[in-house]
Amino acid sequence: MIPGPTNVPWRVLQAMARPIANHRGEEFHRLYNEIQEGLKYAFRTKGDVLPLTASGTGAAECAISNFVNEGSKVLIPVNGEFAERIATSVERVGGKPVRMEIPYGKAPTTELVKQAIDLNKGIDSFFLVHNETSTGVTSRDLKEMAGLCRREGILVVVDAISDLCGEEIENDDWGVNVCFTASQKCLAAPPGLSLISVDEGAWKRVEERKAESRSFYFDLARIRKYHERSEIPFTPAVPLFYALSEALKLLKEEGYETRLERHRTCGQALYSALDALGLEAYPMDVRYRSNTVLVLKVPEGIDNSRLRGYMKEKHGVVISDGMGKLRGLTFRIGCMGIVSRREITLTLTALEGALRIQGWRIEAGKAAAALESTFDR
């Protein structure tokens, strides 16, 4: 129950046992095309979705190295560890990050983005971490923010690593130019692959770029040439492609909307139960609380390390410490991938036990009742 890697369905794990295919042969071509159709469904796009043998950070670097030029202004709402990383990476390739400093625990709004654009003429691109894994905040104003940026001629790039297929993101309909995620989150596949969608507006930027991409491995112009013949420029992790194909089949069988609703229901049920326990979610506004990564403040008098250790040793339930500036001050519960009433109930049981042994006063049955009530609704 960490914010990725998530648990992986047995069907997906079994797929990796298939014999290795020639990545330049017909078998891989068929596999690649199957994956492409599944990715378009997951990304809600008719455009290209490119699989990369890399973690989610690799997809972020791919986007930055291809769409951030020397001296170009990049608007970045900074409200957590991963947004900080985006800003740092933009600086490293010579871009000029225009940092919208948002207090940790809060989300950027369309009005704040508009103000930043008005105050900083010449913004070239807008990079948004849609679901900030370090704080548990989801920027649910993406549709409006993307529309505003598109009207201003600003490229919209979205980091959806920890919530694609767990939170609603309609890339084509909302006007998102570039979006990326990773295999080990809401897609419920093993770690090691990242996926990046590129629309025609973004491809035009690639074609108009005068200099070569700063990255040889993540050069989108090169990747696209191989993509057109259903291949990868460099040797892919073939077993992970088998796994991804199976995970995308499971997504289609469940249905995109059903998967979103499952994540939402599980997240809201757990929030209700945690509230009944007297715990406080880190995000300040209920509207922006993530359904896929729940970040909770460590209560006064509770030892964070001991709490997590008890849950693992006594119940086999693993959750995460806080991240970056919030390490030790918060703990994080992943609610993604294979997650259902069963996993949420087991997590709550483990957490209640861990709190009780440290003297936290709990009204018997109250949290369980809140959990059951949400699921029953």
Protein backbone atom coordinates (compact mmCIF):
# COMPACT_ATOMS: atom_id res chain seq x y z
CA MET A 1 0.00 0.00 0.00
CA ILE A 2 2.76 2.43 -0.99
CA PRO A 3 2.54 5.08 -3.75
CA GLY A 4 4.06 2.65 -6.24
CA PRO A 5 5.19 0.12 -7.18
CA THR A 6 1.72 -1.22 -6.60
CA ASN A 7 0.61 -4.83 -6.36
CA VAL A 8 0.55 -6.53 -9.76
CA PRO A 9 -2.19 -8.93 -10.94
CA TRP A 10 -1.09 -12.54 -11.36
CA ARG A 11 -2.08 -12.46 -15.04
CA VAL A 12 0.32 -9.58 -15.61
CA LEU A 13 3.16 -11.31 -13.74
CA GLN A 14 2.66 -14.50 -15.74
CA ALA A 15 2.93 -12.59 -19.01
CA MET A 16 6.59 -11.84 -18.24
CA ALA A 17 7.41 -15.57 -18.39
CA ARG A 18 6.90 -15.67 -22.17
CA PRO A 19 10.01 -16.34 -24.31
CA ILE A 20 11.91 -13.21 -25.31
CA ALA A 21 10.94 -11.94 -28.76
CA ASN A 22 13.19 -10.29 -31.33
CA HIS A 23 12.50 -6.58 -30.83
CA ARG A 24 12.95 -6.03 -34.58
CA GLY A 25 10.69 -8.89 -35.59
CA GLU A 26 7.01 -9.36 -36.48
CA GLU A 27 6.05 -10.76 -33.06
CA PHE A 28 7.24 -7.59 -31.33
CA HIS A 29 5.57 -5.44 -33.99
CA ARG A 30 2.23 -7.07 -33.18
CA LEU A 31 2.84 -6.63 -29.45
CA TYR A 32 3.76 -2.98 -29.94
CA ASN A 33 0.60 -2.27 -31.93
CA GLU A 34 -1.56 -3.98 -29.28
CA ILE A 35 0.07 -1.85 -26.61
CA GLN A 36 -0.42 1.28 -28.69
CA GLU A 37 -4.17 0.76 -28.86
CA GLY A 38 -4.34 0.13 -25.11
CA LEU A 39 -2.27 3.22 -24.34
CA LYS A 40 -4.49 5.46 -26.46
CA TYR A 41 -7.45 4.19 -24.45
CA ALA A 42 -5.66 4.83 -21.15
CA PHE A 43 -4.46 8.31 -22.16
CA ARG A 44 -7.78 9.32 -23.73
CA THR A 45 -6.05 10.34 -26.93
CA LYS A 46 -5.95 9.56 -30.63
CA GLY A 47 -2.34 10.70 -30.83
CA ASP A 48 0.95 8.91 -30.34
CA VAL A 49 1.81 7.36 -26.98
CA LEU A 50 5.45 6.33 -26.80
CA PRO A 51 6.67 3.63 -24.39
CA LEU A 52 10.11 4.18 -22.87
CA THR A 53 12.26 1.71 -20.98
CA ALA A 54 12.73 4.07 -18.03
CA SER A 55 11.14 5.06 -14.75
CA GLY A 56 8.69 7.96 -14.63
CA THR A 57 11.62 10.33 -14.10
CA GLY A 58 12.86 9.25 -17.53
CA ALA A 59 9.61 10.41 -19.12
CA ALA A 60 9.91 13.73 -17.30
CA GLU A 61 13.45 14.15 -18.63
CA CYS A 62 12.23 13.20 -22.11
CA ALA A 63 9.61 15.96 -22.01
CA ILE A 64 12.04 18.54 -20.64
CA SER A 65 14.90 17.74 -23.02
CA ASN A 66 12.60 17.92 -26.06
CA PHE A 67 10.34 20.84 -25.22
CA VAL A 68 12.52 23.18 -23.14
CA ASN A 69 14.99 25.23 -25.15
CA GLU A 70 17.91 27.34 -23.98
CA GLY A 71 16.45 30.41 -22.31
CA SER A 72 12.79 29.42 -22.73
CA LYS A 73 10.43 30.36 -19.90
CA VAL A 74 8.65 27.45 -18.26
CA LEU A 75 5.77 28.07 -15.86
CA ILE A 76 5.79 25.52 -13.02
CA PRO A 77 3.46 25.44 -9.99
CA VAL A 78 5.78 24.24 -7.22
CA ASN A 79 3.83 22.59 -4.42
CA GLY A 80 5.81 19.46 -3.65
CA GLU A 81 8.93 17.36 -4.16
CA PHE A 82 8.19 16.27 -7.72
CA ALA A 83 7.38 19.79 -8.88
CA GLU A 84 10.71 20.84 -7.34
CA ARG A 85 12.42 18.18 -9.46
CA ILE A 86 10.77 19.49 -12.62
CA ALA A 87 12.03 23.01 -11.87
CA THR A 88 15.56 21.74 -11.20
CA SER A 89 15.59 19.68 -14.40
CA VAL A 90 14.42 22.68 -16.44
CA GLU A 91 17.35 24.70 -15.07
CA ARG A 92 19.81 21.94 -15.96
CA VAL A 93 18.91 22.09 -19.66
CA GLY A 94 19.18 25.88 -19.74
CA GLY A 95 15.52 26.77 -19.39
CA LYS A 96 14.22 29.50 -17.12
CA PRO A 97 11.70 28.10 -14.63
CA VAL A 98 9.02 30.59 -13.61
CA ARG A 99 8.16 29.12 -10.24
CA MET A 100 4.64 29.56 -8.91
CA GLU A 101 5.33 28.97 -5.23
CA ILE A 102 2.26 27.18 -3.85
CA PRO A 103 2.24 26.23 -0.14
CA TYR A 104 2.70 22.50 0.36
CA GLY A 105 -0.72 20.98 0.86
CA LYS A 106 -2.42 23.33 -1.60
CA ALA A 107 -3.14 23.11 -5.33
CA PRO A 108 -2.61 25.70 -8.06
CA THR A 109 -5.78 27.33 -9.39
CA THR A 110 -6.66 28.69 -12.82
CA GLU A 111 -6.69 32.23 -11.42
CA LEU A 112 -3.16 31.85 -10.04
CA VAL A 113 -1.95 30.49 -13.38
CA LYS A 114 -3.56 33.43 -15.19
CA GLN A 115 -1.88 35.89 -12.86
CA ALA A 116 1.50 34.24 -13.43
CA ILE A 117 1.07 34.36 -17.22
CA ASP A 118 0.06 38.03 -17.09
CA LEU A 119 3.05 38.92 -14.92
CA ASN A 120 5.61 36.93 -16.92
CA LYS A 121 5.43 37.69 -20.62
CA GLY A 122 6.82 35.14 -23.05
CA ILE A 123 5.93 31.92 -21.21
CA ASP A 124 6.74 29.09 -23.61
CA SER A 125 5.40 26.04 -21.77
CA PHE A 126 3.45 25.06 -18.66
CA PHE A 127 4.57 21.98 -16.71
CA LEU A 128 2.11 20.65 -14.12
CA VAL A 129 2.51 17.78 -11.67
CA HIS A 130 -1.13 16.72 -11.69
CA ASN A 131 -0.92 14.50 -8.62
CA GLU A 132 1.85 15.53 -6.23
CA THR A 133 2.94 12.25 -4.64
CA SER A 134 4.78 13.96 -1.78
CA THR A 135 1.78 15.93 -0.51
CA GLY A 136 -1.28 14.00 -1.71
CA VAL A 137 -2.65 16.98 -3.66
CA THR A 138 -4.41 16.63 -7.04
CA SER A 139 -4.71 19.69 -9.30
CA ARG A 140 -8.30 19.18 -10.38
CA ASP A 141 -8.45 22.47 -12.31
CA LEU A 142 -6.35 21.01 -15.14
CA LYS A 143 -9.08 21.31 -17.77
CA GLU A 144 -9.46 25.06 -17.19
CA MET A 145 -5.71 25.67 -16.81
CA ALA A 146 -4.96 23.80 -20.04
CA GLY A 147 -7.62 25.77 -21.90
CA LEU A 148 -6.14 29.04 -20.66
CA CYS A 149 -2.62 28.05 -21.71
CA ARG A 150 -3.71 26.86 -25.14
CA ARG A 151 -5.41 30.20 -25.80
CA GLU A 152 -2.12 31.91 -24.96
CA GLY A 153 -0.10 29.61 -27.24
CA ILE A 154 1.60 27.92 -24.27
CA LEU A 155 2.50 24.22 -24.52
CA VAL A 156 0.80 22.13 -21.81
CA VAL A 157 2.87 19.30 -20.31
CA VAL A 158 1.40 17.13 -17.54
CA ASP A 159 3.11 14.76 -15.14
CA ALA A 160 0.39 12.18 -14.43
CA ILE A 161 2.75 9.53 -13.07
CA SER A 162 0.83 8.72 -9.90
CA ASP A 163 -2.74 9.12 -11.11
CA LEU A 164 -3.31 8.39 -14.80
CA CYS A 165 -6.31 5.99 -14.82
CA GLY A 166 -6.87 6.79 -11.13
CA GLU A 167 -8.04 10.38 -11.60
CA GLU A 168 -9.87 11.83 -14.59
CA ILE A 169 -7.53 13.22 -17.27
CA GLU A 170 -8.99 13.67 -20.76
CA ASN A 171 -5.89 14.64 -22.72
CA ASP A 172 -7.45 15.28 -26.13
CA ASP A 173 -10.65 16.89 -24.88
CA TRP A 174 -8.85 19.12 -22.38
CA GLY A 175 -6.08 20.22 -24.75
CA VAL A 176 -3.09 18.63 -23.02
CA ASN A 177 -0.16 18.55 -25.45
CA VAL A 178 2.16 16.17 -23.61
CA CYS A 179 1.33 13.78 -20.78
CA PHE A 180 3.41 11.09 -19.14
CA THR A 181 2.99 8.33 -16.58
CA ALA A 182 4.74 5.19 -15.33
CA SER A 183 3.80 1.53 -15.50
CA GLN A 184 3.88 0.79 -11.76
CA LYS A 185 1.08 3.05 -10.58
CA CYS A 186 -2.62 2.97 -11.53
CA LEU A 187 -1.94 0.75 -14.55
CA ALA A 188 -0.90 -1.99 -12.08
CA ALA A 189 2.08 -3.22 -14.09
CA PRO A 190 5.67 -3.82 -12.90
CA PRO A 191 8.04 -0.85 -12.65
CA GLY A 192 10.50 -0.07 -15.43
CA LEU A 193 8.43 1.53 -18.18
CA SER A 194 7.21 5.07 -18.66
CA LEU A 195 4.69 6.24 -21.27
CA ILE A 196 4.47 9.66 -22.88
CA SER A 197 1.71 11.00 -25.14
CA VAL A 198 2.52 13.67 -27.73
CA ASP A 199 -0.16 15.51 -29.72
CA GLU A 200 0.23 17.19 -33.10
CA GLY A 201 0.87 20.61 -31.57
CA ALA A 202 3.77 19.19 -29.59
CA TRP A 203 5.14 17.30 -32.61
CA LYS A 204 5.14 20.60 -34.50
CA ARG A 205 7.39 22.01 -31.78
CA VAL A 206 9.76 19.06 -32.23
CA GLU A 207 9.86 19.58 -36.01
CA GLU A 208 10.48 23.33 -35.66
CA ARG A 209 13.27 22.90 -33.12
CA LYS A 210 16.50 24.19 -34.63
CA ALA A 211 18.90 22.39 -32.29
CA GLU A 212 19.02 18.65 -31.67
CA SER A 213 17.48 17.25 -28.53
CA ARG A 214 19.80 17.51 -25.52
CA SER A 215 19.22 13.80 -24.96
CA PHE A 216 20.31 11.03 -27.33
CA TYR A 217 18.29 8.33 -25.56
CA PHE A 218 15.14 10.46 -25.21
CA ASP A 219 15.28 12.19 -28.61
CA LEU A 220 11.59 12.24 -29.62
CA ALA A 221 12.35 12.82 -33.30
CA ARG A 222 14.37 9.58 -33.35
CA ILE A 223 11.82 7.73 -31.22
CA ARG A 224 9.00 8.73 -33.58
CA LYS A 225 10.79 7.30 -36.64
CA TYR A 226 11.00 3.91 -34.93
CA HIS A 227 7.48 4.26 -33.53
CA GLU A 228 6.16 4.52 -37.10
CA ARG A 229 7.47 1.01 -37.76
CA SER A 230 6.31 -0.32 -34.37
CA GLU A 231 9.74 -0.42 -32.82
CA ILE A 232 11.91 1.25 -30.17
CA PRO A 233 15.24 2.89 -31.10
CA PHE A 234 17.09 0.95 -28.43
CA THR A 235 16.66 -2.53 -26.94
CA PRO A 236 13.43 -2.48 -24.92
CA ALA A 237 12.70 -4.44 -21.74
CA VAL A 238 10.67 -7.05 -23.66
CA PRO A 239 9.21 -8.88 -20.60
CA LEU A 240 7.90 -5.56 -19.28
CA PHE A 241 6.20 -4.94 -22.62
CA TYR A 242 4.45 -8.31 -22.28
CA ALA A 243 3.32 -7.28 -18.79
CA LEU A 244 2.14 -3.85 -19.93
CA SER A 245 0.12 -5.41 -22.75
CA GLU A 246 -1.69 -7.65 -20.26
CA ALA A 247 -2.25 -4.78 -17.82
CA LEU A 248 -3.82 -2.70 -20.60
CA LYS A 249 -6.12 -5.60 -21.50
CA LEU A 250 -7.26 -5.70 -17.88
CA LEU A 251 -7.93 -1.95 -18.01
CA LYS A 252 -10.10 -2.38 -21.09
CA GLU A 253 -11.98 -5.30 -19.48
CA GLU A 254 -12.69 -3.27 -16.35
CA GLY A 255 -13.47 -0.07 -18.26
CA TYR A 256 -11.80 3.32 -17.89
CA GLU A 257 -14.70 4.95 -16.03
CA THR A 258 -15.08 1.94 -13.74
CA ARG A 259 -11.41 2.07 -12.82
CA LEU A 260 -11.68 5.77 -12.00
CA GLU A 261 -14.73 5.10 -9.83
CA ARG A 262 -13.00 2.21 -8.03
CA HIS A 263 -10.04 4.41 -7.13
CA ARG A 264 -12.33 7.24 -6.07
CA THR A 265 -14.50 5.00 -3.90
CA CYS A 266 -11.51 3.32 -2.23
CA GLY A 267 -9.84 6.66 -1.59
CA GLN A 268 -12.95 8.30 -0.17
CA ALA A 269 -13.75 5.27 2.02
CA LEU A 270 -10.27 5.36 3.51
CA TYR A 271 -10.43 9.13 4.08
CA SER A 272 -13.73 8.65 5.94
CA ALA A 273 -12.23 5.96 8.14
CA LEU A 274 -9.07 7.95 8.86
CA ASP A 275 -11.17 10.95 9.82
CA ALA A 276 -13.11 8.73 12.22
CA LEU A 277 -9.78 7.72 13.78
CA GLY A 278 -9.02 11.39 14.43
CA LEU A 279 -6.21 11.54 11.85
CA GLU A 280 -5.66 14.63 9.72
CA ALA A 281 -5.03 14.56 5.98
CA TYR A 282 -2.14 16.77 4.92
CA PRO A 283 -3.92 18.53 1.99
CA MET A 284 -5.70 21.60 3.33
CA ASP A 285 -8.67 21.57 0.95
CA VAL A 286 -10.90 18.48 0.68
CA ARG A 287 -11.50 19.22 -3.03
CA TYR A 288 -7.86 18.59 -3.88
CA ARG A 289 -7.19 15.47 -1.82
CA SER A 290 -5.75 12.74 -3.99
CA ASN A 291 -7.65 9.48 -4.33
CA THR A 292 -4.49 7.57 -5.25
CA VAL A 293 -1.95 8.84 -2.69
CA LEU A 294 -3.26 9.63 0.80
CA VAL A 295 -0.86 11.73 2.88
CA LEU A 296 -1.58 11.92 6.61
CA LYS A 297 0.00 14.04 9.31
CA VAL A 298 1.72 12.03 12.04
CA PRO A 299 -0.27 12.75 15.24
CA GLU A 300 1.50 14.20 18.24
CA GLY A 301 2.83 11.42 20.46
CA ILE A 302 2.93 8.82 17.66
CA ASP A 303 6.25 7.41 16.44
CA ASN A 304 6.06 7.30 12.64
CA SER A 305 8.71 4.61 12.16
CA ARG A 306 7.24 2.39 14.86
CA LEU A 307 3.74 2.79 13.38
CA ARG A 308 4.85 1.66 9.92
CA GLY A 309 7.02 -1.10 11.35
CA TYR A 310 4.13 -2.58 13.35
CA MET A 311 1.82 -2.54 10.31
CA LYS A 312 4.38 -4.44 8.26
CA GLU A 313 5.52 -6.96 10.87
CA LYS A 314 2.14 -7.76 12.45
CA HIS A 315 -0.21 -7.38 9.48
CA GLY A 316 1.93 -7.55 6.34
CA VAL A 317 0.72 -4.09 5.28
CA VAL A 318 3.42 -1.75 3.95
CA ILE A 319 2.91 2.02 3.80
CA SER A 320 5.45 4.80 3.19
CA ASP A 321 7.14 7.53 5.18
CA GLY A 322 6.68 11.13 4.11
CA MET A 323 8.89 12.47 1.33
CA GLY A 324 11.31 15.36 1.05
CA LYS A 325 10.44 18.17 3.45
CA LEU A 326 7.63 16.03 4.88
CA ARG A 327 9.75 12.98 5.76
CA GLY A 328 9.01 11.96 9.34
CA LEU A 329 6.12 14.44 9.57
CA THR A 330 3.69 12.46 7.43
CA PHE A 331 3.02 8.93 6.25
CA ARG A 332 1.65 7.99 2.83
CA ILE A 333 -0.80 5.29 1.78
CA GLY A 334 -0.94 4.27 -1.86
CA CYS A 335 -4.46 3.62 -3.10
CA MET A 336 -3.86 2.54 -6.68
CA GLY A 337 -3.63 -0.38 -9.07
CA ILE A 338 -4.97 -3.50 -7.39
CA VAL A 339 -7.03 -1.84 -4.71
CA SER A 340 -10.48 -2.83 -3.49
CA ARG A 341 -12.59 -3.07 -0.38
CA ARG A 342 -10.39 -5.95 0.81
CA GLU A 343 -7.07 -4.05 0.65
CA ILE A 344 -8.58 -0.92 2.20
CA THR A 345 -10.12 -2.90 5.08
CA LEU A 346 -6.85 -4.73 5.80
CA THR A 347 -4.97 -1.43 5.78
CA LEU A 348 -7.40 0.15 8.21
CA THR A 349 -7.17 -2.85 10.56
CA ALA A 350 -3.37 -2.67 10.54
CA LEU A 351 -3.35 1.08 11.11
CA GLU A 352 -5.82 0.89 14.00
CA GLY A 353 -3.64 -1.73 15.69
CA ALA A 354 -0.50 0.36 15.18
CA LEU A 355 -2.15 3.40 16.73
CA ARG A 356 -3.61 1.49 19.68
CA ILE A 357 -0.28 0.10 20.86
CA GLN A 358 1.05 3.67 21.02
CA GLY A 359 -1.85 4.77 23.20
CA TRP A 360 -4.00 6.50 20.57
CA ARG A 361 -7.58 6.60 21.80
CA ILE A 362 -9.94 4.95 19.32
CA GLU A 363 -13.68 4.51 19.60
CA ALA A 364 -14.29 0.85 18.80
CA GLY A 365 -15.98 0.25 15.46
CA LYS A 366 -16.26 3.92 14.46
CA ALA A 367 -13.67 3.85 11.69
CA ALA A 368 -14.90 0.52 10.33
CA ALA A 369 -18.45 1.87 10.23
CA ALA A 370 -17.32 4.94 8.29
CA LEU A 371 -15.47 2.70 5.83
CA GLU A 372 -18.41 0.37 5.32
CA SER A 373 -20.84 3.28 4.94
CA THR A 374 -18.82 4.78 2.09
CA PHE A 375 -18.48 1.46 0.28
CA ASP A 376 -22.17 0.67 0.74
CA ARG A 377 -23.17 4.03 -0.77
